[in-house]
Amino acid sequence: MKFWQKYMACLLAAVSLAACGYQLRGKASFWPPQMKKIQVPVFKNSSGRFELDLKLTKSVINELVARTGVQIVSDRSQAEGLLEGEILSFRVQPIAFSAAGAATRFQITITTSVVFSDLVNQKILFSDDKFVYTEEYDVPEGLDFETMETRAIDRAAEKYARQLVVNLLEGF
C-alpha cells in the first residue's frame, strides 16, 4: 500500500507542477517559425554617446543568433524580418557618494525606440517607442571613471540585448 501512496503523491506533484504555469523565459513562443533571415541595421544614434550604436547593435545581433538561430543578412531583399532601433537618449548620473562628496556609484539609462517587422506579411510584430534599460556601476576610489564607464556600457549593452530579445520572443 505504501508504494501506491508514494506513486499517487508523485503523480499529484507532477500534475500540479505542470498546471502551475511555470515556464522558461525566452523559448521563442511568439517568434514566427518562418522567420529565418533578418536584417538588423546599425541602430540610429541620436544620443551623442560615441559608439553606443555599434555596441547595442552588435549585442542584439549576438543575442538574436544565440537564442533563435536566425541568420543575419545585410540585404533587405533577402530578409524575412527587420529589426530597427534608434537610441533616443543616454544618461549617466551619480547615485551614491563617498564621505568626501565624490561620486562612487552611477546609473546608466539607455532609452531606445525599437520596431521589429515581418517583411513577408508586411506587419509589425513588436514596437516600443520608449524601451528603457538601466544599469548601475561602481567607480572605486582611485580608479579611472572613463574606464569604468566604458566597461559598464559594454555590460549594459549585453544586458539590454538580452532584455530586448526576451521581449521579442515572449511577445511583450
C-alpha atoms as a PDB file:
ATOM      1  CA  MET A   1       0.000   0.000   0.000  1.00  0.00           C
ATOM      2  CA  LYS A   2       2.867   2.365   0.688  1.00  0.00           C
ATOM      3  CA  PHE A   3       4.004   2.039  -2.928  1.00  0.00           C
ATOM      4  CA  TRP A   4       0.656   3.327  -4.224  1.00  0.00           C
ATOM      5  CA  GLN A   5       0.663   6.234  -1.777  1.00  0.00           C
ATOM      6  CA  LYS A   6       4.132   7.289  -2.933  1.00  0.00           C
ATOM      7  CA  TYR A   7       3.116   6.796  -6.564  1.00  0.00           C
ATOM      8  CA  MET A   8      -0.010   8.907  -6.160  1.00  0.00           C
ATOM      9  CA  ALA A   9       1.910  11.631  -4.277  1.00  0.00           C
ATOM     10  CA  CYS A  10       4.498  11.823  -7.083  1.00  0.00           C
ATOM     11  CA  LEU A  11       1.780  11.838  -9.734  1.00  0.00           C
ATOM     12  CA  LEU A  12      -0.122  14.590  -7.910  1.00  0.00           C
ATOM     13  CA  ALA A  13       3.067  16.661  -7.567  1.00  0.00           C
ATOM     14  CA  ALA A  14       3.883  16.266 -11.275  1.00  0.00           C
ATOM     15  CA  VAL A  15       0.367  17.267 -12.334  1.00  0.00           C
ATOM     16  CA  SER A  16       0.311  20.299 -10.058  1.00  0.00           C
ATOM     17  CA  LEU A  17       3.720  21.475 -11.296  1.00  0.00           C
ATOM     18  CA  ALA A  18       2.644  21.079 -14.900  1.00  0.00           C
ATOM     19  CA  ALA A  19      -0.556  23.019 -14.254  1.00  0.00           C
ATOM     20  CA  CYS A  20       1.005  25.897 -12.341  1.00  0.00           C
ATOM     21  CA  GLY A  21       2.007  27.765 -15.498  1.00  0.00           C
ATOM     22  CA  TYR A  22       5.740  27.760 -14.811  1.00  0.00           C
ATOM     23  CA  GLN A  23       7.808  28.108 -17.988  1.00  0.00           C
ATOM     24  CA  LEU A  24      11.238  29.209 -19.058  1.00  0.00           C
ATOM     25  CA  ARG A  25      11.724  32.712 -20.431  1.00  0.00           C
ATOM     26  CA  GLY A  26      12.913  33.264 -23.964  1.00  0.00           C
ATOM     27  CA  LYS A  27      11.831  29.994 -25.538  1.00  0.00           C
ATOM     28  CA  ALA A  28      10.531  31.724 -28.660  1.00  0.00           C
ATOM     29  CA  SER A  29       6.833  31.086 -28.115  1.00  0.00           C
ATOM     30  CA  PHE A  30       5.881  34.198 -30.124  1.00  0.00           C
ATOM     31  CA  TRP A  31       8.701  34.007 -32.669  1.00  0.00           C
ATOM     32  CA  PRO A  32       7.298  33.324 -36.173  1.00  0.00           C
ATOM     33  CA  PRO A  33       8.560  29.870 -37.221  1.00  0.00           C
ATOM     34  CA  GLN A  34       9.197  31.050 -40.796  1.00  0.00           C
ATOM     35  CA  MET A  35      11.469  33.879 -39.572  1.00  0.00           C
ATOM     36  CA  LYS A  36      14.919  32.526 -40.515  1.00  0.00           C
ATOM     37  CA  LYS A  37      16.702  35.549 -42.001  1.00  0.00           C
ATOM     38  CA  ILE A  38      16.550  39.030 -40.530  1.00  0.00           C
ATOM     39  CA  GLN A  39      18.254  42.319 -41.128  1.00  0.00           C
ATOM     40  CA  VAL A  40      19.444  44.401 -38.185  1.00  0.00           C
ATOM     41  CA  PRO A  41      20.801  47.749 -39.417  1.00  0.00           C
ATOM     42  CA  VAL A  42      23.057  49.667 -37.051  1.00  0.00           C
ATOM     43  CA  PHE A  43      20.868  51.477 -34.555  1.00  0.00           C
ATOM     44  CA  LYS A  44      20.480  55.172 -35.263  1.00  0.00           C
ATOM     45  CA  ASN A  45      22.293  57.111 -32.552  1.00  0.00           C
ATOM     46  CA  SER A  46      20.503  60.292 -31.504  1.00  0.00           C
ATOM     47  CA  SER A  47      22.105  60.202 -28.057  1.00  0.00           C
ATOM     48  CA  GLY A  48      25.515  61.594 -28.935  1.00  0.00           C
ATOM     49  CA  ARG A  49      27.309  58.815 -26.989  1.00  0.00           C
ATOM     50  CA  PHE A  50      30.242  57.615 -29.086  1.00  0.00           C
ATOM     51  CA  GLU A  51      29.950  54.024 -30.389  1.00  0.00           C
ATOM     52  CA  LEU A  52      26.840  53.201 -28.343  1.00  0.00           C
ATOM     53  CA  ASP A  53      25.016  52.402 -31.580  1.00  0.00           C
ATOM     54  CA  LEU A  54      27.648  49.845 -32.583  1.00  0.00           C
ATOM     55  CA  LYS A  55      27.751  48.216 -29.146  1.00  0.00           C
ATOM     56  CA  LEU A  56      23.969  47.867 -28.859  1.00  0.00           C
ATOM     57  CA  THR A  57      23.565  46.583 -32.422  1.00  0.00           C
ATOM     58  CA  LYS A  58      26.356  44.015 -32.034  1.00  0.00           C
ATOM     59  CA  SER A  59      24.952  42.789 -28.717  1.00  0.00           C
ATOM     60  CA  VAL A  60      21.413  42.500 -30.115  1.00  0.00           C
ATOM     61  CA  ILE A  61      22.672  40.529 -33.128  1.00  0.00           C
ATOM     62  CA  ASN A  62      24.682  38.175 -30.891  1.00  0.00           C
ATOM     63  CA  GLU A  63      21.691  37.587 -28.615  1.00  0.00           C
ATOM     64  CA  LEU A  64      19.287  37.007 -31.522  1.00  0.00           C
ATOM     65  CA  VAL A  65      21.593  34.460 -33.130  1.00  0.00           C
ATOM     66  CA  ALA A  66      22.234  32.693 -29.816  1.00  0.00           C
ATOM     67  CA  ARG A  67      18.560  32.460 -28.815  1.00  0.00           C
ATOM     68  CA  THR A  68      16.795  31.983 -32.142  1.00  0.00           C
ATOM     69  CA  GLY A  69      19.413  30.654 -34.547  1.00  0.00           C
ATOM     70  CA  VAL A  70      18.389  33.192 -37.186  1.00  0.00           C
ATOM     71  CA  GLN A  71      20.737  34.219 -39.950  1.00  0.00           C
ATOM     72  CA  ILE A  72      21.595  37.918 -40.055  1.00  0.00           C
ATOM     73  CA  VAL A  73      21.587  39.304 -43.588  1.00  0.00           C
ATOM     74  CA  SER A  74      22.714  42.697 -44.819  1.00  0.00           C
ATOM     75  CA  ASP A  75      20.490  42.801 -47.903  1.00  0.00           C
ATOM     76  CA  ARG A  76      16.856  43.669 -47.124  1.00  0.00           C
ATOM     77  CA  SER A  77      15.630  41.769 -50.197  1.00  0.00           C
ATOM     78  CA  GLN A  78      16.906  38.519 -48.599  1.00  0.00           C
ATOM     79  CA  ALA A  79      15.410  39.262 -45.170  1.00  0.00           C
ATOM     80  CA  GLU A  80      12.137  37.919 -43.797  1.00  0.00           C
ATOM     81  CA  GLY A  81      12.290  40.219 -40.783  1.00  0.00           C
ATOM     82  CA  LEU A  82      13.676  43.642 -39.938  1.00  0.00           C
ATOM     83  CA  LEU A  83      14.719  44.901 -36.518  1.00  0.00           C
ATOM     84  CA  GLU A  84      15.294  48.657 -36.447  1.00  0.00           C
ATOM     85  CA  GLY A  85      16.341  50.681 -33.454  1.00  0.00           C
ATOM     86  CA  GLU A  86      17.133  54.250 -32.516  1.00  0.00           C
ATOM     87  CA  ILE A  87      18.960  55.338 -29.385  1.00  0.00           C
ATOM     88  CA  LEU A  88      16.916  58.270 -28.149  1.00  0.00           C
ATOM     89  CA  SER A  89      18.942  59.123 -25.056  1.00  0.00           C
ATOM     90  CA  PHE A  90      21.877  58.064 -22.939  1.00  0.00           C
ATOM     91  CA  ARG A  91      22.308  59.368 -19.396  1.00  0.00           C
ATOM     92  CA  VAL A  92      24.835  58.750 -16.677  1.00  0.00           C
ATOM     93  CA  GLN A  93      24.058  60.165 -13.267  1.00  0.00           C
ATOM     94  CA  PRO A  94      25.664  59.722  -9.858  1.00  0.00           C
ATOM     95  CA  ILE A  95      23.511  57.926  -7.298  1.00  0.00           C
ATOM     96  CA  ALA A  96      25.916  57.401  -4.366  1.00  0.00           C
ATOM     97  CA  PHE A  97      28.709  59.485  -2.866  1.00  0.00           C
ATOM     98  CA  SER A  98      31.682  58.947  -0.581  1.00  0.00           C
ATOM     99  CA  ALA A  99      32.065  60.766   2.733  1.00  0.00           C
ATOM    100  CA  ALA A 100      34.285  63.273   0.910  1.00  0.00           C
ATOM    101  CA  GLY A 101      31.474  64.026  -1.568  1.00  0.00           C
ATOM    102  CA  ALA A 102      32.928  62.187  -4.580  1.00  0.00           C
ATOM    103  CA  ALA A 103      30.524  60.104  -6.690  1.00  0.00           C
ATOM    104  CA  THR A 104      31.129  56.381  -6.171  1.00  0.00           C
ATOM    105  CA  ARG A 105      28.095  54.780  -7.860  1.00  0.00           C
ATOM    106  CA  PHE A 106      26.450  55.734 -11.125  1.00  0.00           C
ATOM    107  CA  GLN A 107      23.358  54.775 -13.077  1.00  0.00           C
ATOM    108  CA  ILE A 108      23.290  54.461 -16.865  1.00  0.00           C
ATOM    109  CA  THR A 109      19.919  54.914 -18.547  1.00  0.00           C
ATOM    110  CA  ILE A 110      19.526  53.996 -22.216  1.00  0.00           C
ATOM    111  CA  THR A 111      16.252  54.858 -23.939  1.00  0.00           C
ATOM    112  CA  THR A 112      15.567  53.460 -27.393  1.00  0.00           C
ATOM    113  CA  SER A 113      12.814  53.104 -29.935  1.00  0.00           C
ATOM    114  CA  VAL A 114      12.595  49.605 -31.436  1.00  0.00           C
ATOM    115  CA  VAL A 115      10.455  48.151 -34.237  1.00  0.00           C
ATOM    116  CA  PHE A 116      10.517  44.510 -35.353  1.00  0.00           C
ATOM    117  CA  SER A 117       8.689  43.878 -38.635  1.00  0.00           C
ATOM    118  CA  ASP A 118       7.682  40.799 -40.582  1.00  0.00           C
ATOM    119  CA  LEU A 119       8.697  41.736 -44.137  1.00  0.00           C
ATOM    120  CA  VAL A 120       6.930  38.744 -45.729  1.00  0.00           C
ATOM    121  CA  ASN A 121       3.490  39.517 -44.262  1.00  0.00           C
ATOM    122  CA  GLN A 122       4.086  43.288 -44.067  1.00  0.00           C
ATOM    123  CA  LYS A 123       3.184  43.680 -40.401  1.00  0.00           C
ATOM    124  CA  ILE A 124       4.796  44.945 -37.221  1.00  0.00           C
ATOM    125  CA  LEU A 125       5.417  42.176 -34.690  1.00  0.00           C
ATOM    126  CA  PHE A 126       6.881  44.311 -31.893  1.00  0.00           C
ATOM    127  CA  SER A 127       7.145  48.031 -31.321  1.00  0.00           C
ATOM    128  CA  ASP A 128       8.262  50.064 -28.313  1.00  0.00           C
ATOM    129  CA  ASP A 129       8.856  53.807 -28.604  1.00  0.00           C
ATOM    130  CA  LYS A 130      10.381  54.040 -25.109  1.00  0.00           C
ATOM    131  CA  PHE A 131      12.326  50.852 -24.449  1.00  0.00           C
ATOM    132  CA  VAL A 132      14.340  51.807 -21.350  1.00  0.00           C
ATOM    133  CA  TYR A 133      17.249  49.934 -19.821  1.00  0.00           C
ATOM    134  CA  THR A 134      19.115  50.972 -16.659  1.00  0.00           C
ATOM    135  CA  GLU A 135      22.366  49.665 -15.228  1.00  0.00           C
ATOM    136  CA  GLU A 136      24.266  50.672 -12.111  1.00  0.00           C
ATOM    137  CA  TYR A 137      28.008  50.510 -11.626  1.00  0.00           C
ATOM    138  CA  ASP A 138      30.617  51.472  -9.059  1.00  0.00           C
ATOM    139  CA  VAL A 139      33.738  53.569  -9.507  1.00  0.00           C
ATOM    140  CA  PRO A 140      36.028  52.600  -6.626  1.00  0.00           C
ATOM    141  CA  GLU A 141      38.302  55.292  -5.278  1.00  0.00           C
ATOM    142  CA  GLY A 142      41.493  55.603  -7.271  1.00  0.00           C
ATOM    143  CA  LEU A 143      40.125  54.012 -10.461  1.00  0.00           C
ATOM    144  CA  ASP A 144      39.597  55.850 -13.727  1.00  0.00           C
ATOM    145  CA  PHE A 145      35.974  56.992 -14.229  1.00  0.00           C
ATOM    146  CA  GLU A 146      36.085  56.694 -18.037  1.00  0.00           C
ATOM    147  CA  THR A 147      37.448  53.147 -17.977  1.00  0.00           C
ATOM    148  CA  MET A 148      34.788  52.044 -15.503  1.00  0.00           C
ATOM    149  CA  GLU A 149      32.076  53.766 -17.544  1.00  0.00           C
ATOM    150  CA  THR A 150      33.221  52.035 -20.745  1.00  0.00           C
ATOM    151  CA  ARG A 151      33.133  48.644 -19.014  1.00  0.00           C
ATOM    152  CA  ALA A 152      29.697  49.421 -17.614  1.00  0.00           C
ATOM    153  CA  ILE A 153      28.415  50.382 -21.070  1.00  0.00           C
ATOM    154  CA  ASP A 154      29.711  47.102 -22.502  1.00  0.00           C
ATOM    155  CA  ARG A 155      27.859  45.151 -19.762  1.00  0.00           C
ATOM    156  CA  ALA A 156      24.751  47.301 -20.221  1.00  0.00           C
ATOM    157  CA  ALA A 157      24.737  46.618 -23.977  1.00  0.00           C
ATOM    158  CA  GLU A 158      24.761  42.861 -23.367  1.00  0.00           C
ATOM    159  CA  LYS A 159      22.015  43.042 -20.755  1.00  0.00           C
ATOM    160  CA  TYR A 160      19.980  45.455 -22.889  1.00  0.00           C
ATOM    161  CA  ALA A 161      20.172  42.974 -25.776  1.00  0.00           C
ATOM    162  CA  ARG A 162      19.124  40.092 -23.524  1.00  0.00           C
ATOM    163  CA  GLN A 163      16.114  42.043 -22.238  1.00  0.00           C
ATOM    164  CA  LEU A 164      15.096  43.160 -25.736  1.00  0.00           C
ATOM    165  CA  VAL A 165      15.349  39.690 -27.267  1.00  0.00           C
ATOM    166  CA  VAL A 166      13.364  38.131 -24.409  1.00  0.00           C
ATOM    167  CA  ASN A 167      10.658  40.740 -25.057  1.00  0.00           C
ATOM    168  CA  LEU A 168      10.694  39.874 -28.769  1.00  0.00           C
ATOM    169  CA  LEU A 169      10.486  36.147 -28.058  1.00  0.00           C
ATOM    170  CA  GLU A 170       7.772  36.418 -25.429  1.00  0.00           C
ATOM    171  CA  GLY A 171       5.683  38.975 -27.320  1.00  0.00           C
ATOM    172  CA  PHE A 172       5.698  41.693 -24.629  1.00  0.00           C
END
